[in-house]
C-alpha atoms as a PDB file:
ATOM      1  CA  MET A   1     -19.149 -28.625  -3.608  1.00  0.00           C
ATOM      2  CA  PRO A   2     -19.605 -31.945  -5.376  1.00  0.00           C
ATOM      3  CA  LEU A   3     -16.402 -33.271  -6.840  1.00  0.00           C
ATOM      4  CA  ASN A   4     -15.601 -36.597  -8.421  1.00  0.00           C
ATOM      5  CA  SER A   5     -15.093 -38.776  -5.369  1.00  0.00           C
ATOM      6  CA  GLY A   6     -15.047 -42.215  -6.954  1.00  0.00           C
ATOM      7  CA  PRO A   7     -12.330 -44.817  -6.649  1.00  0.00           C
ATOM      8  CA  ARG A   8      -8.713 -44.562  -7.656  1.00  0.00           C
ATOM      9  CA  ARG A   9      -9.458 -45.265 -11.337  1.00  0.00           C
ATOM     10  CA  ASN A  10     -10.751 -41.710 -11.791  1.00  0.00           C
ATOM     11  CA  ALA A  11      -8.325 -39.828 -14.046  1.00  0.00           C
ATOM     12  CA  PRO A  12      -6.799 -36.610 -12.691  1.00  0.00           C
ATOM     13  CA  PRO A  13      -8.267 -34.547 -15.601  1.00  0.00           C
ATOM     14  CA  ALA A  14     -11.770 -35.257 -14.304  1.00  0.00           C
ATOM     15  CA  ILE A  15     -10.817 -33.949 -10.866  1.00  0.00           C
ATOM     16  CA  VAL A  16      -9.003 -30.961 -12.367  1.00  0.00           C
ATOM     17  CA  ASN A  17     -12.146 -30.067 -14.286  1.00  0.00           C
ATOM     18  CA  GLY A  18     -14.150 -30.389 -11.074  1.00  0.00           C
ATOM     19  CA  VAL A  19     -11.813 -27.979  -9.276  1.00  0.00           C
ATOM     20  CA  SER A  20     -11.998 -25.446 -12.103  1.00  0.00           C
ATOM     21  CA  ALA A  21     -15.786 -25.683 -12.251  1.00  0.00           C
ATOM     22  CA  ALA A  22     -16.075 -25.192  -8.484  1.00  0.00           C
ATOM     23  CA  LEU A  23     -13.803 -22.136  -8.598  1.00  0.00           C
ATOM     24  CA  ARG A  24     -15.824 -20.620 -11.425  1.00  0.00           C
ATOM     25  CA  ARG A  25     -18.963 -21.003  -9.315  1.00  0.00           C
ATOM     26  CA  LEU A  26     -17.218 -19.301  -6.406  1.00  0.00           C
ATOM     27  CA  ALA A  27     -15.857 -16.435  -8.502  1.00  0.00           C
ATOM     28  CA  ARG A  28     -16.641 -12.919  -7.286  1.00  0.00           C
ATOM     29  CA  PRO A  29     -17.039  -9.746  -9.372  1.00  0.00           C
ATOM     30  CA  VAL A  30     -13.880  -7.652  -9.588  1.00  0.00           C
ATOM     31  CA  GLY A  31     -15.714  -4.741  -8.015  1.00  0.00           C
ATOM     32  CA  GLU A  32     -16.297  -6.750  -4.839  1.00  0.00           C
ATOM     33  CA  PHE A  33     -12.711  -7.939  -4.503  1.00  0.00           C
ATOM     34  CA  ASN A  34      -9.833  -7.572  -6.934  1.00  0.00           C
ATOM     35  CA  ALA A  35      -6.931  -9.921  -6.210  1.00  0.00           C
ATOM     36  CA  GLU A  36      -4.985  -8.496  -9.135  1.00  0.00           C
ATOM     37  CA  ARG A  37      -4.146  -5.323  -7.236  1.00  0.00           C
ATOM     38  CA  TYR A  38      -1.754  -7.310  -5.015  1.00  0.00           C
ATOM     39  CA  PHE A  39       0.395  -8.433  -7.952  1.00  0.00           C
ATOM     40  CA  ARG A  40       2.697  -6.503 -10.273  1.00  0.00           C
ATOM     41  CA  GLY A  41       4.557  -7.861 -13.259  1.00  0.00           C
ATOM     42  CA  GLU A  42       3.288 -11.456 -13.021  1.00  0.00           C
ATOM     43  CA  HIS A  43       2.291 -11.633 -16.669  1.00  0.00           C
ATOM     44  CA  GLY A  44      -0.344 -14.196 -17.583  1.00  0.00           C
ATOM     45  CA  LEU A  45      -1.572 -14.713 -14.017  1.00  0.00           C
ATOM     46  CA  GLN A  46      -5.367 -14.866 -13.822  1.00  0.00           C
ATOM     47  CA  PHE A  47      -7.831 -14.697 -10.941  1.00  0.00           C
ATOM     48  CA  TYR A  48     -11.246 -16.042 -10.038  1.00  0.00           C
ATOM     49  CA  ASN A  49     -11.315 -13.586  -7.116  1.00  0.00           C
ATOM     50  CA  VAL A  50     -12.098 -16.440  -4.737  1.00  0.00           C
ATOM     51  CA  GLY A  51     -11.147 -15.755  -1.139  1.00  0.00           C
ATOM     52  CA  THR A  52      -8.682 -17.843   0.837  1.00  0.00           C
ATOM     53  CA  ALA A  53     -11.323 -19.434   3.070  1.00  0.00           C
ATOM     54  CA  ALA A  54     -13.385 -20.666   0.128  1.00  0.00           C
ATOM     55  CA  MET A  55     -10.296 -21.936  -1.685  1.00  0.00           C
ATOM     56  CA  ARG A  56      -9.161 -23.894   1.373  1.00  0.00           C
ATOM     57  CA  ALA A  57     -12.635 -25.333   1.858  1.00  0.00           C
ATOM     58  CA  LEU A  58     -12.537 -26.585  -1.732  1.00  0.00           C
ATOM     59  CA  ALA A  59      -9.098 -28.147  -1.180  1.00  0.00           C
ATOM     60  CA  LYS A  60     -10.440 -29.833   1.954  1.00  0.00           C
ATOM     61  CA  ASP A  61     -13.321 -31.258  -0.064  1.00  0.00           C
ATOM     62  CA  VAL A  62     -10.891 -32.718  -2.598  1.00  0.00           C
ATOM     63  CA  TYR A  63      -8.746 -34.215   0.143  1.00  0.00           C
ATOM     64  CA  GLN A  64     -11.639 -35.747   2.042  1.00  0.00           C
ATOM     65  CA  ALA A  65     -13.066 -37.247  -1.143  1.00  0.00           C
ATOM     66  CA  HIS A  66      -9.805 -39.073  -1.923  1.00  0.00           C
ATOM     67  CA  ARG A  67      -7.771 -39.419   1.271  1.00  0.00           C
ATOM     68  CA  ASP A  68      -8.714 -43.068   1.844  1.00  0.00           C
ATOM     69  CA  HIS A  69      -7.317 -44.254  -1.488  1.00  0.00           C
ATOM     70  CA  TRP A  70      -4.690 -41.621  -2.367  1.00  0.00           C
ATOM     71  CA  THR A  71      -1.030 -41.363  -1.463  1.00  0.00           C
ATOM     72  CA  VAL A  72       0.977 -38.156  -1.466  1.00  0.00           C
ATOM     73  CA  GLY A  73       2.060 -39.185  -4.955  1.00  0.00           C
ATOM     74  CA  ASP A  74      -1.541 -39.026  -6.152  1.00  0.00           C
ATOM     75  CA  ALA A  75      -1.895 -35.581  -4.616  1.00  0.00           C
ATOM     76  CA  ILE A  76       1.286 -34.474  -6.383  1.00  0.00           C
ATOM     77  CA  THR A  77      -0.091 -35.778  -9.688  1.00  0.00           C
ATOM     78  CA  LEU A  78      -3.185 -33.636  -9.219  1.00  0.00           C
ATOM     79  CA  ALA A  79      -1.139 -30.624  -8.135  1.00  0.00           C
ATOM     80  CA  ASP A  80       1.127 -30.956 -11.191  1.00  0.00           C
ATOM     81  CA  ALA A  81      -1.936 -30.398 -13.351  1.00  0.00           C
ATOM     82  CA  LEU A  82      -3.394 -27.622 -11.201  1.00  0.00           C
ATOM     83  CA  MET A  83      -0.080 -25.747 -11.060  1.00  0.00           C
ATOM     84  CA  ARG A  84      -0.179 -25.432 -14.853  1.00  0.00           C
ATOM     85  CA  ASP A  85      -3.457 -23.553 -14.726  1.00  0.00           C
ATOM     86  CA  PRO A  86      -2.976 -19.765 -15.039  1.00  0.00           C
ATOM     87  CA  HIS A  87      -5.376 -18.989 -12.175  1.00  0.00           C
ATOM     88  CA  LEU A  88      -3.899 -18.184  -8.784  1.00  0.00           C
ATOM     89  CA  GLU A  89      -6.639 -20.030  -6.912  1.00  0.00           C
ATOM     90  CA  THR A  90      -6.259 -23.228  -8.933  1.00  0.00           C
ATOM     91  CA  LYS A  91      -2.576 -23.377  -8.075  1.00  0.00           C
ATOM     92  CA  SER A  92      -3.457 -22.758  -4.445  1.00  0.00           C
ATOM     93  CA  VAL A  93      -5.878 -25.675  -4.327  1.00  0.00           C
ATOM     94  CA  GLY A  94      -3.146 -28.006  -5.598  1.00  0.00           C
ATOM     95  CA  ILE A  95      -0.718 -26.859  -2.922  1.00  0.00           C
ATOM     96  CA  GLU A  96      -3.335 -27.115  -0.169  1.00  0.00           C
ATOM     97  CA  VAL A  97      -4.274 -30.671  -1.165  1.00  0.00           C
ATOM     98  CA  VAL A  98      -0.629 -31.785  -1.126  1.00  0.00           C
ATOM     99  CA  ALA A  99      -0.067 -30.059   2.225  1.00  0.00           C
ATOM    100  CA  ARG A 100      -2.747 -32.259   3.812  1.00  0.00           C
ATOM    101  CA  PHE A 101      -0.488 -35.266   3.172  1.00  0.00           C
ATOM    102  CA  ARG A 102       2.370 -33.771   5.207  1.00  0.00           C
ATOM    103  CA  LYS A 103       2.719 -36.821   7.444  1.00  0.00           C
ATOM    104  CA  THR A 104       3.892 -38.807   4.423  1.00  0.00           C
ATOM    105  CA  PHE A 105       6.240 -36.198   2.920  1.00  0.00           C
ATOM    106  CA  THR A 106       9.624 -37.616   1.877  1.00  0.00           C
ATOM    107  CA  PRO A 107      12.883 -35.948   0.770  1.00  0.00           C
ATOM    108  CA  ALA A 108      12.214 -37.108  -2.801  1.00  0.00           C
ATOM    109  CA  LEU A 109       9.513 -34.434  -3.063  1.00  0.00           C
ATOM    110  CA  LEU A 110      11.924 -31.495  -2.767  1.00  0.00           C
ATOM    111  CA  PRO A 111      13.257 -31.703  -6.371  1.00  0.00           C
ATOM    112  CA  ARG A 112       9.671 -31.918  -7.631  1.00  0.00           C
ATOM    113  CA  TRP A 113       8.706 -28.720  -5.863  1.00  0.00           C
ATOM    114  CA  LYS A 114      11.871 -27.025  -7.075  1.00  0.00           C
ATOM    115  CA  ARG A 115      10.820 -27.855 -10.649  1.00  0.00           C
ATOM    116  CA  TRP A 116       7.465 -26.151 -10.065  1.00  0.00           C
ATOM    117  CA  LEU A 117       9.420 -23.027  -9.171  1.00  0.00           C
ATOM    118  CA  ALA A 118      12.120 -23.287 -11.840  1.00  0.00           C
ATOM    119  CA  GLN A 119       9.556 -23.897 -14.590  1.00  0.00           C
ATOM    120  CA  ASN A 120       7.634 -20.783 -13.526  1.00  0.00           C
ATOM    121  CA  LEU A 121       4.570 -22.805 -12.565  1.00  0.00           C
ATOM    122  CA  SER A 122       4.385 -20.844  -9.321  1.00  0.00           C
ATOM    123  CA  ALA A 123       4.232 -17.695 -11.476  1.00  0.00           C
ATOM    124  CA  ASN A 124       3.918 -15.237  -8.587  1.00  0.00           C
ATOM    125  CA  TRP A 125       5.081 -14.408  -5.072  1.00  0.00           C
ATOM    126  CA  ALA A 126       1.933 -15.715  -3.329  1.00  0.00           C
ATOM    127  CA  THR A 127       2.086 -19.180  -4.873  1.00  0.00           C
ATOM    128  CA  THR A 128       5.829 -19.320  -4.270  1.00  0.00           C
ATOM    129  CA  ASP A 129       5.349 -18.417  -0.614  1.00  0.00           C
ATOM    130  CA  ALA A 130       2.555 -20.978  -0.281  1.00  0.00           C
ATOM    131  CA  ILE A 131       4.931 -23.651  -1.575  1.00  0.00           C
ATOM    132  CA  CYS A 132       7.528 -22.500   0.954  1.00  0.00           C
ATOM    133  CA  GLY A 133       5.141 -22.258   3.898  1.00  0.00           C
ATOM    134  CA  SER A 134       3.115 -25.401   3.269  1.00  0.00           C
ATOM    135  CA  LEU A 135       5.518 -27.730   1.456  1.00  0.00           C
ATOM    136  CA  THR A 136       9.257 -27.012   1.385  1.00  0.00           C
ATOM    137  CA  GLY A 137       9.412 -25.378   4.826  1.00  0.00           C
ATOM    138  CA  PRO A 138       7.649 -28.230   6.642  1.00  0.00           C
ATOM    139  CA  LEU A 139       9.754 -30.777   4.729  1.00  0.00           C
ATOM    140  CA  LEU A 140      12.979 -29.051   5.828  1.00  0.00           C
ATOM    141  CA  SER A 141      11.687 -29.037   9.402  1.00  0.00           C
ATOM    142  CA  ASP A 142      11.001 -32.762   9.294  1.00  0.00           C
ATOM    143  CA  TYR A 143      14.281 -33.586   7.507  1.00  0.00           C
ATOM    144  CA  PRO A 144      16.947 -31.158   8.798  1.00  0.00           C
ATOM    145  CA  GLU A 145      19.561 -32.796   6.583  1.00  0.00           C
ATOM    146  CA  LEU A 146      17.811 -31.124   3.638  1.00  0.00           C
ATOM    147  CA  VAL A 147      18.276 -27.590   4.975  1.00  0.00           C
ATOM    148  CA  PRO A 148      21.695 -27.126   3.271  1.00  0.00           C
ATOM    149  CA  GLU A 149      19.953 -27.673  -0.082  1.00  0.00           C
ATOM    150  CA  MET A 150      18.800 -24.069   0.157  1.00  0.00           C
ATOM    151  CA  ARG A 151      22.425 -23.063  -0.245  1.00  0.00           C
ATOM    152  CA  THR A 152      22.295 -24.446  -3.792  1.00  0.00           C
ATOM    153  CA  TRP A 153      19.035 -22.623  -4.603  1.00  0.00           C
ATOM    154  CA  VAL A 154      20.201 -19.145  -3.662  1.00  0.00           C
ATOM    155  CA  ARG A 155      22.179 -18.507  -6.867  1.00  0.00           C
ATOM    156  CA  HIS A 156      19.626 -20.069  -9.199  1.00  0.00           C
ATOM    157  CA  PRO A 157      18.788 -17.988 -12.296  1.00  0.00           C
ATOM    158  CA  ASN A 158      15.063 -18.325 -11.624  1.00  0.00           C
ATOM    159  CA  LEU A 159      13.492 -15.604  -9.469  1.00  0.00           C
ATOM    160  CA  TRP A 160      11.089 -17.960  -7.706  1.00  0.00           C
ATOM    161  CA  VAL A 161      13.782 -20.484  -6.789  1.00  0.00           C
ATOM    162  CA  ARG A 162      15.886 -17.669  -5.329  1.00  0.00           C
ATOM    163  CA  ARG A 163      12.933 -16.380  -3.322  1.00  0.00           C
ATOM    164  CA  ALA A 164      12.247 -19.902  -2.076  1.00  0.00           C
ATOM    165  CA  SER A 165      15.882 -20.300  -1.019  1.00  0.00           C
ATOM    166  CA  ILE A 166      15.267 -17.849   1.797  1.00  0.00           C
ATOM    167  CA  VAL A 167      11.500 -18.045   2.477  1.00  0.00           C
ATOM    168  CA  SER A 168      11.676 -21.847   2.811  1.00  0.00           C
ATOM    169  CA  LEU A 169      13.842 -21.348   5.898  1.00  0.00           C
ATOM    170  CA  ILE A 170      11.174 -19.475   7.874  1.00  0.00           C
ATOM    171  CA  VAL A 171       9.304 -22.597   9.008  1.00  0.00           C
ATOM    172  CA  PRO A 172      12.411 -24.555  10.113  1.00  0.00           C
ATOM    173  CA  MET A 173      13.791 -21.451  11.852  1.00  0.00           C
ATOM    174  CA  ARG A 174      10.864 -21.690  14.263  1.00  0.00           C
ATOM    175  CA  ARG A 175      12.488 -24.913  15.459  1.00  0.00           C
ATOM    176  CA  GLY A 176      15.945 -23.362  15.532  1.00  0.00           C
ATOM    177  CA  LEU A 177      16.969 -24.915  12.215  1.00  0.00           C
ATOM    178  CA  GLY A 178      18.692 -23.068   9.391  1.00  0.00           C
ATOM    179  CA  VAL A 179      19.098 -19.723  11.156  1.00  0.00           C
ATOM    180  CA  ASP A 180      22.770 -19.362  10.226  1.00  0.00           C
ATOM    181  CA  LEU A 181      21.982 -20.384   6.652  1.00  0.00           C
ATOM    182  CA  ALA A 182      19.246 -17.739   6.506  1.00  0.00           C
ATOM    183  CA  TYR A 183      21.842 -15.080   7.296  1.00  0.00           C
ATOM    184  CA  GLU A 184      24.262 -16.645   4.810  1.00  0.00           C
ATOM    185  CA  ASN A 185      21.695 -16.668   2.010  1.00  0.00           C
ATOM    186  CA  ALA A 186      20.536 -13.174   2.916  1.00  0.00           C
ATOM    187  CA  ARG A 187      24.082 -11.871   2.496  1.00  0.00           C
ATOM    188  CA  ILE A 188      24.244 -13.371  -0.993  1.00  0.00           C
ATOM    189  CA  LEU A 189      20.843 -12.012  -1.969  1.00  0.00           C
ATOM    190  CA  HIS A 190      21.573  -8.443  -0.884  1.00  0.00           C
ATOM    191  CA  GLY A 191      22.972  -7.899  -4.365  1.00  0.00           C
ATOM    192  CA  ASP A 192      19.732  -8.995  -6.034  1.00  0.00           C
ATOM    193  CA  GLN A 193      17.931  -6.007  -7.536  1.00  0.00           C
ATOM    194  CA  HIS A 194      14.460  -7.564  -7.737  1.00  0.00           C
ATOM    195  CA  ASP A 195      12.112  -6.090  -5.141  1.00  0.00           C
ATOM    196  CA  LEU A 196      10.437  -9.473  -4.580  1.00  0.00           C
ATOM    197  CA  ILE A 197      13.797 -10.816  -3.437  1.00  0.00           C
ATOM    198  CA  GLN A 198      14.580  -7.767  -1.324  1.00  0.00           C
ATOM    199  CA  LYS A 199      11.227  -8.003   0.451  1.00  0.00           C
ATOM    200  CA  ALA A 200      11.565 -11.758   0.991  1.00  0.00           C
ATOM    201  CA  VAL A 201      15.022 -11.335   2.508  1.00  0.00           C
ATOM    202  CA  GLY A 202      13.778  -8.614   4.837  1.00  0.00           C
ATOM    203  CA  TRP A 203      10.825 -10.758   5.894  1.00  0.00           C
ATOM    204  CA  THR A 204      13.091 -13.718   6.638  1.00  0.00           C
ATOM    205  CA  LEU A 205      15.559 -11.586   8.594  1.00  0.00           C
ATOM    206  CA  ARG A 206      12.665 -10.195  10.628  1.00  0.00           C
ATOM    207  CA  GLU A 207      11.629 -13.772  11.453  1.00  0.00           C
ATOM    208  CA  ALA A 208      15.209 -14.612  12.439  1.00  0.00           C
ATOM    209  CA  GLY A 209      15.167 -11.593  14.721  1.00  0.00           C
ATOM    210  CA  LYS A 210      12.228 -13.035  16.642  1.00  0.00           C
ATOM    211  CA  ARG A 211      14.619 -15.678  17.987  1.00  0.00           C
ATOM    212  CA  ASP A 212      17.536 -13.341  18.655  1.00  0.00           C
ATOM    213  CA  SER A 213      17.036  -9.626  18.087  1.00  0.00           C
ATOM    214  CA  ALA A 214      20.592  -8.822  19.183  1.00  0.00           C
ATOM    215  CA  LYS A 215      22.008 -11.122  16.506  1.00  0.00           C
ATOM    216  CA  LEU A 216      19.827  -9.492  13.862  1.00  0.00           C
ATOM    217  CA  GLU A 217      20.883  -6.002  14.949  1.00  0.00           C
ATOM    218  CA  GLU A 218      24.551  -6.958  14.837  1.00  0.00           C
ATOM    219  CA  TYR A 219      24.095  -8.465  11.384  1.00  0.00           C
ATOM    220  CA  LEU A 220      22.375  -5.332  10.094  1.00  0.00           C
ATOM    221  CA  LYS A 221      25.068  -3.043  11.471  1.00  0.00           C
ATOM    222  CA  SER A 222      27.868  -5.246  10.126  1.00  0.00           C
ATOM    223  CA  ASN A 223      26.406  -5.446   6.622  1.00  0.00           C
ATOM    224  CA  GLY A 224      24.581  -2.124   6.597  1.00  0.00           C
ATOM    225  CA  PRO A 225      25.601  -0.381   3.367  1.00  0.00           C
ATOM    226  CA  SER A 226      25.255  -3.580   1.312  1.00  0.00           C
ATOM    227  CA  ILE A 227      21.670  -4.163   2.443  1.00  0.00           C
ATOM    228  CA  PRO A 228      18.962  -2.709   0.169  1.00  0.00           C
ATOM    229  CA  ARG A 229      16.801  -0.242   2.056  1.00  0.00           C
ATOM    230  CA  THR A 230      13.673  -2.220   1.184  1.00  0.00           C
ATOM    231  CA  THR A 231      15.189  -5.268   2.879  1.00  0.00           C
ATOM    232  CA  LEU A 232      16.269  -3.226   5.867  1.00  0.00           C
ATOM    233  CA  ARG A 233      12.846  -1.684   6.430  1.00  0.00           C
ATOM    234  CA  TYR A 234      11.191  -5.094   6.414  1.00  0.00           C
ATOM    235  CA  ALA A 235      13.867  -6.544   8.704  1.00  0.00           C
ATOM    236  CA  ILE A 236      13.509  -3.887  11.420  1.00  0.00           C
ATOM    237  CA  GLU A 237       9.699  -3.736  11.571  1.00  0.00           C
ATOM    238  CA  ARG A 238       9.573  -5.350  15.012  1.00  0.00           C
ATOM    239  CA  PHE A 239      12.169  -3.085  16.604  1.00  0.00           C
ATOM    240  CA  PRO A 240      10.946  -0.175  18.741  1.00  0.00           C
ATOM    241  CA  PRO A 241      10.572   3.097  16.788  1.00  0.00           C
ATOM    242  CA  ALA A 242      13.729   4.649  18.240  1.00  0.00           C
ATOM    243  CA  ALA A 243      15.778   1.573  17.357  1.00  0.00           C
ATOM    244  CA  ARG A 244      14.380   1.569  13.809  1.00  0.00           C
ATOM    245  CA  THR A 245      15.382   5.197  13.339  1.00  0.00           C
ATOM    246  CA  ARG A 246      18.852   4.525  14.710  1.00  0.00           C
ATOM    247  CA  LEU A 247      19.407   1.464  12.514  1.00  0.00           C
ATOM    248  CA  LEU A 248      18.248   3.292   9.409  1.00  0.00           C
ATOM    249  CA  ARG A 249      20.833   5.952  10.188  1.00  0.00           C
ATOM    250  CA  GLU A 250      23.666   3.623  11.202  1.00  0.00           C
ATOM    251  CA  THR A 251      23.298   1.359   8.157  1.00  0.00           C
ATOM    252  CA  ARG A 252      23.068   4.114   5.561  1.00  0.00           C
ATOM    253  CA  SER A 253      25.602   3.999   2.751  1.00  0.00           C
ATOM    254  CA  THR A 254      28.331   6.604   3.049  1.00  0.00           C
ATOM    255  CA  ASP A 255      29.253   6.610  -0.647  1.00  0.00           C
ATOM    256  CA  GLY A 256      26.143   8.457  -1.751  1.00  0.00           C
ATOM    257  CA  VAL A 257      24.827   5.489  -3.726  1.00  0.00           C
ATOM    258  CA  LYS A 258      21.146   4.756  -3.133  1.00  0.00           C
ATOM    259  CA  ARG A 259      20.497   1.057  -2.538  1.00  0.00           C
END
């Protein structure tokens, strides 16, 4: 996929146009694959119907064309432009290019990524989770002193910042970082009525349970009635069937209110 691979003087708009043109060439008919069916309520989001493998190959092409004369700041400049495109795949390319500069990530990048979320540039759960899994999560792992920042994100008015406050902890939890904060943020988010928050919390709790299933079970039993059932079902997916049935019963609300 030929992209503008000249020296540093090339303006980001030229590269942005190259990315968009490449994605248009890769676009598939809706009948073959319809990405839209995985998204609900993300108004204005558009799709080229380009698969993940092809999108990542394109991002790799961009990175390899510029890695010798770009810094992570240059990658961020490109991603800023790509994140403003309404297409899911264009946003993804921006994130993937930045992720390839992980070795030079610095704490100063965290507020920039938060702005992408707060300004609704992520626009959907998949882009938000890609930011968490490829950018904020790895940064928190490399700079554990940043983990408490997620405590300030959890009450943010923006849906995507709130989702990131918990999903960003999944990567550092694999190194034993932020586990207690994940439970703390989960407890706060149990009152959130948005299903994209409830699912994200359940997913994160399930990941926490991989490290200590007994701790997760105790947490679920202690907080049972306050936990939305959507969250609970996600959280207990890795328990044996009998344990799942028991936890669903033991955590049910006794006041007759469906949560």
